[in-house]
Structure formats: structure tokens, C-alpha cells
Amino acid sequence: MRYTALYLVRHDAIVARIKKAAGTRYQVIAENMSIETQRLRPDLVIKRGNAVSIVDVTDPFDNRMAAFEVAARCKKEKYEQLRAELAREHGAAEVVPLIVNVLRSRDPGNN
């Protein structure tokens, strides 16, 4: 794709901002690497206390709310097995899909 490199730079910048915002309140368990027995590579896996969050940024091509909802649902389905594994190991786990768009739209569910 023609804009793949630009997309990756933007995506990585968003992930870096999330990581920086997590600061010292969260421990980064994994960043863009497969963990546990899964071959999936979420953008960030962070831990606070006994709760783990699987954070994955996505940029749907369409900027309508329906596209954001589909993207969030797909991320949650994709990482459900990993979430269950991490919940067994750490006590609690959640999938946090962060949906952003090149047109500066964002999913209100990101709050």
C-alpha cells in the first residue's frame, strides 16, 4: 500500500503516547510482541495491581460510528483467548481497543 509507512509512523506515535501516559502507574509487560502461548502481538500489555490491560490501536478506514463499533468488537474478539489466559494468571484482564481515525475522529468509547 502506498501509505503504509505513514500509517505505521502514526500508529507507533499513538502507542508511544499511550505508553508515556501510563507512566509509572502501570508496568509494561509487553510491547508489540507475542506473549503467553498466543501468536498475537498486541500493541501494549500493561499491568496495574492484579489487573492486566491488552491495549491495541486501530485506525478504521471509515470514520462513521458503525465502523468504530465493528473495529472495537473485532479487536475484543481477536484478543479474547489471550485475555482469558492473562485473567487466569493475573486475576483480571481486559481488552482495550483504542479506535482513532486519520480524519481526527475518535471513538467515544476510548474515554
Protein backbone atom coordinates (compact mmCIF):
# COMPACT_ATOMS: atom_id res chain seq x y z
CA MET A 1 0.00 0.00 0.00
CA ARG A 2 1.13 3.47 -0.81
CA TYR A 3 0.67 5.00 2.65
CA THR A 4 1.66 2.03 4.79
CA ALA A 5 4.84 3.65 6.11
CA LEU A 6 2.98 6.83 7.09
CA TYR A 7 0.25 4.78 8.74
CA LEU A 8 2.83 2.85 10.79
CA VAL A 9 4.61 6.02 11.91
CA ARG A 10 1.29 7.50 13.08
CA HIS A 11 0.23 4.24 14.74
CA ASP A 12 3.54 3.89 16.57
CA ALA A 13 3.36 7.53 17.72
CA ILE A 14 -0.08 6.89 19.23
CA VAL A 15 1.19 3.77 21.01
CA ALA A 16 4.19 5.74 22.34
CA ARG A 17 1.83 8.42 23.72
CA ILE A 18 -0.27 5.78 25.45
CA LYS A 19 2.84 4.21 26.94
CA LYS A 20 4.06 7.59 28.16
CA ALA A 21 0.64 8.41 29.64
CA ALA A 22 0.68 5.11 31.52
CA GLY A 23 3.89 6.40 33.09
CA THR A 24 4.79 4.92 36.42
CA ARG A 25 1.21 3.93 37.24
CA TYR A 26 1.39 0.85 35.03
CA GLN A 27 4.01 -1.80 34.37
CA VAL A 28 4.56 -2.60 30.69
CA ILE A 29 4.50 -6.39 30.34
CA ALA A 30 4.84 -6.49 26.57
CA GLU A 31 5.09 -4.05 23.69
CA ASN A 32 4.39 -5.23 20.16
CA MET A 33 5.43 -8.80 20.90
CA SER A 34 3.64 -12.08 21.30
CA ILE A 35 3.07 -13.19 24.85
CA GLU A 36 1.99 -16.40 26.55
CA THR A 37 1.02 -19.18 24.16
CA GLN A 38 -0.65 -16.86 21.65
CA ARG A 39 0.87 -15.76 18.37
CA LEU A 40 -0.93 -12.43 18.61
CA ARG A 41 1.02 -9.20 19.02
CA PRO A 42 -0.99 -6.54 20.84
CA ASP A 43 0.47 -3.04 20.85
CA LEU A 44 0.79 -2.92 24.64
CA VAL A 45 0.07 -5.20 27.55
CA ILE A 46 0.15 -3.22 30.77
CA LYS A 47 -0.45 -4.17 34.38
CA ARG A 48 -1.63 -2.26 37.42
CA GLY A 49 -2.02 -4.22 40.62
CA ASN A 50 -3.54 -7.54 39.63
CA ALA A 51 -5.33 -6.14 36.56
CA VAL A 52 -3.90 -6.50 33.07
CA SER A 53 -4.97 -4.44 30.05
CA ILE A 54 -4.38 -5.53 26.47
CA VAL A 55 -4.21 -2.28 24.51
CA ASP A 56 -4.43 -2.31 20.73
CA VAL A 57 -4.72 0.75 18.50
CA THR A 58 -6.60 0.57 15.24
CA ASP A 59 -7.49 3.06 12.54
CA PRO A 60 -10.61 2.06 10.61
CA PHE A 61 -10.74 3.28 7.04
CA ASP A 62 -14.24 4.67 7.53
CA ASN A 63 -14.96 7.43 10.05
CA ARG A 64 -18.57 6.51 10.84
CA MET A 65 -19.53 5.27 14.31
CA ALA A 66 -20.57 1.91 12.86
CA ALA A 67 -17.01 1.37 11.62
CA PHE A 68 -15.64 2.24 15.06
CA GLU A 69 -18.02 -0.23 16.73
CA VAL A 70 -17.05 -3.00 14.31
CA ALA A 71 -13.34 -2.29 14.81
CA ALA A 72 -13.68 -2.39 18.61
CA ARG A 73 -15.70 -5.61 18.50
CA CYS A 74 -13.15 -7.25 16.18
CA LYS A 75 -10.26 -6.32 18.50
CA LYS A 76 -12.10 -7.72 21.52
CA GLU A 77 -12.86 -10.96 19.67
CA LYS A 78 -9.30 -11.23 18.39
CA TYR A 79 -7.74 -10.97 21.85
CA GLU A 80 -10.40 -12.83 23.87
CA GLN A 81 -8.36 -16.01 24.27
CA LEU A 82 -5.30 -14.06 25.38
CA ARG A 83 -7.46 -12.02 27.76
CA ALA A 84 -8.79 -15.22 29.35
CA GLU A 85 -5.25 -16.60 29.73
CA LEU A 86 -3.99 -13.42 31.35
CA ALA A 87 -7.04 -13.26 33.64
CA ARG A 88 -6.28 -16.77 34.90
CA GLU A 89 -2.66 -15.82 35.50
CA HIS A 90 -3.06 -12.31 36.95
CA GLY A 91 -6.59 -12.20 38.36
CA ALA A 92 -8.24 -9.74 35.97
CA ALA A 93 -7.73 -8.77 32.34
CA GLU A 94 -9.46 -6.62 29.77
CA VAL A 95 -9.06 -5.79 26.10
CA VAL A 96 -8.85 -2.05 25.46
CA PRO A 97 -9.28 -1.28 21.76
CA LEU A 98 -8.31 2.33 21.02
CA ILE A 99 -10.01 3.46 17.84
CA VAL A 100 -8.68 6.56 16.08
CA ASN A 101 -9.07 7.84 12.55
CA VAL A 102 -6.90 9.83 10.17
CA LEU A 103 -9.66 12.43 9.95
CA ARG A 104 -9.17 13.07 13.69
CA SER A 105 -12.37 11.27 14.55
CA ARG A 106 -12.19 9.06 17.61
CA ASP A 107 -14.38 6.54 19.29
CA PRO A 108 -16.10 7.97 22.40
CA GLY A 109 -15.52 4.51 23.90
CA ASN A 110 -11.82 5.42 24.17
CA ASN A 111 -12.54 7.60 27.21
